[in-house]
Structure formats: structure tokens, C-alpha cells
Amino acid sequence: MAKTLRLDKGQIEVVEDAMADVLRRKTPAERISIGFGLWLAAHDLLTSHLRQTHPEWSEAQLQHEVARRMSHGAA
């Protein structure tokens, strides 16, 4: 029987049990590598999006905006 996944108030995601098991078996280094790969993919997608949306921006402006968005405005 399929398990129904539901979001609770304040919960932003649900990880299936099978995926959680896979992640638990990873070493800390493997989990960090996965996280970095996800961060890098988000960085590259955002950079490409902003480059196409704002072709008039210099590389410095582009990288500043990417950093600002990736740091939730802290940069």
C-alpha cells in the first residue's frame, strides 16, 4: 500500500523512507558532496538566469547579485 505523504505546518519537504535510508547509508563526506553539488547546480542555474535576464550587467554586478541571492540577502 502506498504511503500518503503530507506536509505539516512549518514543514517544507517530505523525504520518502527509501530515500532517507539511502542518505543514512552515505558517509558524511558523501553527504557533503551531494549538498555541494546541489548548491553548485543552484548557483549555475541562477547565474545563467540572471545573465539572460540582465545582459547589460557586468560580470561583477552579476556575481554580486548571485551572491546576494544565494546568501538570502546577507551579501
C-alpha atoms as a PDB file:
ATOM      1  CA  MET A   1       0.000   0.000   0.000  1.00  0.00           C
ATOM      2  CA  ALA A   2       1.340   3.427  -0.927  1.00  0.00           C
ATOM      3  CA  LYS A   3       2.099   5.744   1.945  1.00  0.00           C
ATOM      4  CA  THR A   4       0.470   9.159   1.752  1.00  0.00           C
ATOM      5  CA  LEU A   5       2.898  11.989   2.394  1.00  0.00           C
ATOM      6  CA  ARG A   6       1.516  15.185   3.790  1.00  0.00           C
ATOM      7  CA  LEU A   7       3.064  18.490   4.668  1.00  0.00           C
ATOM      8  CA  ASP A   8       2.605  19.708   8.201  1.00  0.00           C
ATOM      9  CA  LYS A   9       2.518  23.401   9.087  1.00  0.00           C
ATOM     10  CA  GLY A  10       6.114  24.604   9.075  1.00  0.00           C
ATOM     11  CA  GLN A  11       7.432  21.562   7.229  1.00  0.00           C
ATOM     12  CA  ILE A  12       8.936  22.398   3.867  1.00  0.00           C
ATOM     13  CA  GLU A  13       9.581  18.936   2.481  1.00  0.00           C
ATOM     14  CA  VAL A  14       8.878  15.279   2.918  1.00  0.00           C
ATOM     15  CA  VAL A  15      11.582  12.671   2.302  1.00  0.00           C
ATOM     16  CA  GLU A  16      10.372   9.211   1.421  1.00  0.00           C
ATOM     17  CA  ASP A  17      11.536   6.468   3.758  1.00  0.00           C
ATOM     18  CA  ALA A  18      13.511   4.720   0.991  1.00  0.00           C
ATOM     19  CA  MET A  19      15.388   7.924   0.152  1.00  0.00           C
ATOM     20  CA  ALA A  20      16.058   8.603   3.838  1.00  0.00           C
ATOM     21  CA  ASP A  21      17.563   5.116   4.131  1.00  0.00           C
ATOM     22  CA  VAL A  22      19.831   5.758   1.149  1.00  0.00           C
ATOM     23  CA  LEU A  23      21.027   9.045   2.656  1.00  0.00           C
ATOM     24  CA  ARG A  24      21.616   7.479   6.078  1.00  0.00           C
ATOM     25  CA  ARG A  25      23.996   4.954   4.498  1.00  0.00           C
ATOM     26  CA  LYS A  26      26.129   7.711   2.949  1.00  0.00           C
ATOM     27  CA  THR A  27      29.295   8.779   4.699  1.00  0.00           C
ATOM     28  CA  PRO A  28      29.481  12.351   5.989  1.00  0.00           C
ATOM     29  CA  ALA A  29      31.842  13.168   3.089  1.00  0.00           C
ATOM     30  CA  GLU A  30      29.358  11.768   0.575  1.00  0.00           C
ATOM     31  CA  ARG A  31      26.511  13.803   2.097  1.00  0.00           C
ATOM     32  CA  ILE A  32      28.620  16.963   1.976  1.00  0.00           C
ATOM     33  CA  SER A  33      29.495  16.221  -1.649  1.00  0.00           C
ATOM     34  CA  ILE A  34      25.806  15.795  -2.515  1.00  0.00           C
ATOM     35  CA  GLY A  35      24.954  19.068  -0.770  1.00  0.00           C
ATOM     36  CA  PHE A  36      27.747  20.919  -2.539  1.00  0.00           C
ATOM     37  CA  GLY A  37      26.608  19.516  -5.884  1.00  0.00           C
ATOM     38  CA  LEU A  38      23.091  20.810  -5.223  1.00  0.00           C
ATOM     39  CA  TRP A  39      24.456  24.218  -4.191  1.00  0.00           C
ATOM     40  CA  LEU A  40      26.640  24.382  -7.304  1.00  0.00           C
ATOM     41  CA  ALA A  41      23.708  23.471  -9.572  1.00  0.00           C
ATOM     42  CA  ALA A  42      21.564  26.210  -7.980  1.00  0.00           C
ATOM     43  CA  HIS A  43      24.425  28.710  -8.369  1.00  0.00           C
ATOM     44  CA  ASP A  44      24.907  27.827 -12.038  1.00  0.00           C
ATOM     45  CA  LEU A  45      21.166  27.990 -12.804  1.00  0.00           C
ATOM     46  CA  LEU A  46      20.807  31.354 -11.068  1.00  0.00           C
ATOM     47  CA  THR A  47      23.885  32.731 -12.835  1.00  0.00           C
ATOM     48  CA  SER A  48      22.523  31.650 -16.229  1.00  0.00           C
ATOM     49  CA  HIS A  49      19.088  33.083 -15.468  1.00  0.00           C
ATOM     50  CA  LEU A  50      20.447  36.455 -14.356  1.00  0.00           C
ATOM     51  CA  ARG A  51      22.880  36.611 -17.281  1.00  0.00           C
ATOM     52  CA  GLN A  52      19.979  36.165 -19.736  1.00  0.00           C
ATOM     53  CA  THR A  53      17.628  38.471 -17.824  1.00  0.00           C
ATOM     54  CA  HIS A  54      20.202  41.269 -17.429  1.00  0.00           C
ATOM     55  CA  PRO A  55      22.653  41.145 -20.347  1.00  0.00           C
ATOM     56  CA  GLU A  56      23.662  44.740 -19.567  1.00  0.00           C
ATOM     57  CA  TRP A  57      25.157  43.784 -16.185  1.00  0.00           C
ATOM     58  CA  SER A  58      28.917  43.497 -15.813  1.00  0.00           C
ATOM     59  CA  GLU A  59      30.389  40.233 -14.539  1.00  0.00           C
ATOM     60  CA  ALA A  60      30.982  41.905 -11.164  1.00  0.00           C
ATOM     61  CA  GLN A  61      27.345  43.029 -10.941  1.00  0.00           C
ATOM     62  CA  LEU A  62      26.176  39.579 -11.949  1.00  0.00           C
ATOM     63  CA  GLN A  63      28.319  37.785  -9.347  1.00  0.00           C
ATOM     64  CA  HIS A  64      27.299  40.256  -6.643  1.00  0.00           C
ATOM     65  CA  GLU A  65      23.617  39.586  -7.309  1.00  0.00           C
ATOM     66  CA  VAL A  66      24.171  35.820  -7.388  1.00  0.00           C
ATOM     67  CA  ALA A  67      25.980  36.031  -4.029  1.00  0.00           C
ATOM     68  CA  ARG A  68      23.241  38.245  -2.575  1.00  0.00           C
ATOM     69  CA  ARG A  69      20.507  35.836  -3.592  1.00  0.00           C
ATOM     70  CA  MET A  70      22.400  32.701  -2.603  1.00  0.00           C
ATOM     71  CA  SER A  71      23.060  34.175   0.854  1.00  0.00           C
ATOM     72  CA  HIS A  72      19.431  35.298   1.299  1.00  0.00           C
ATOM     73  CA  GLY A  73      20.468  38.953   1.157  1.00  0.00           C
ATOM     74  CA  ALA A  74      23.387  38.702   3.589  1.00  0.00           C
ATOM     75  CA  ALA A  75      25.970  39.527   0.903  1.00  0.00           C
END
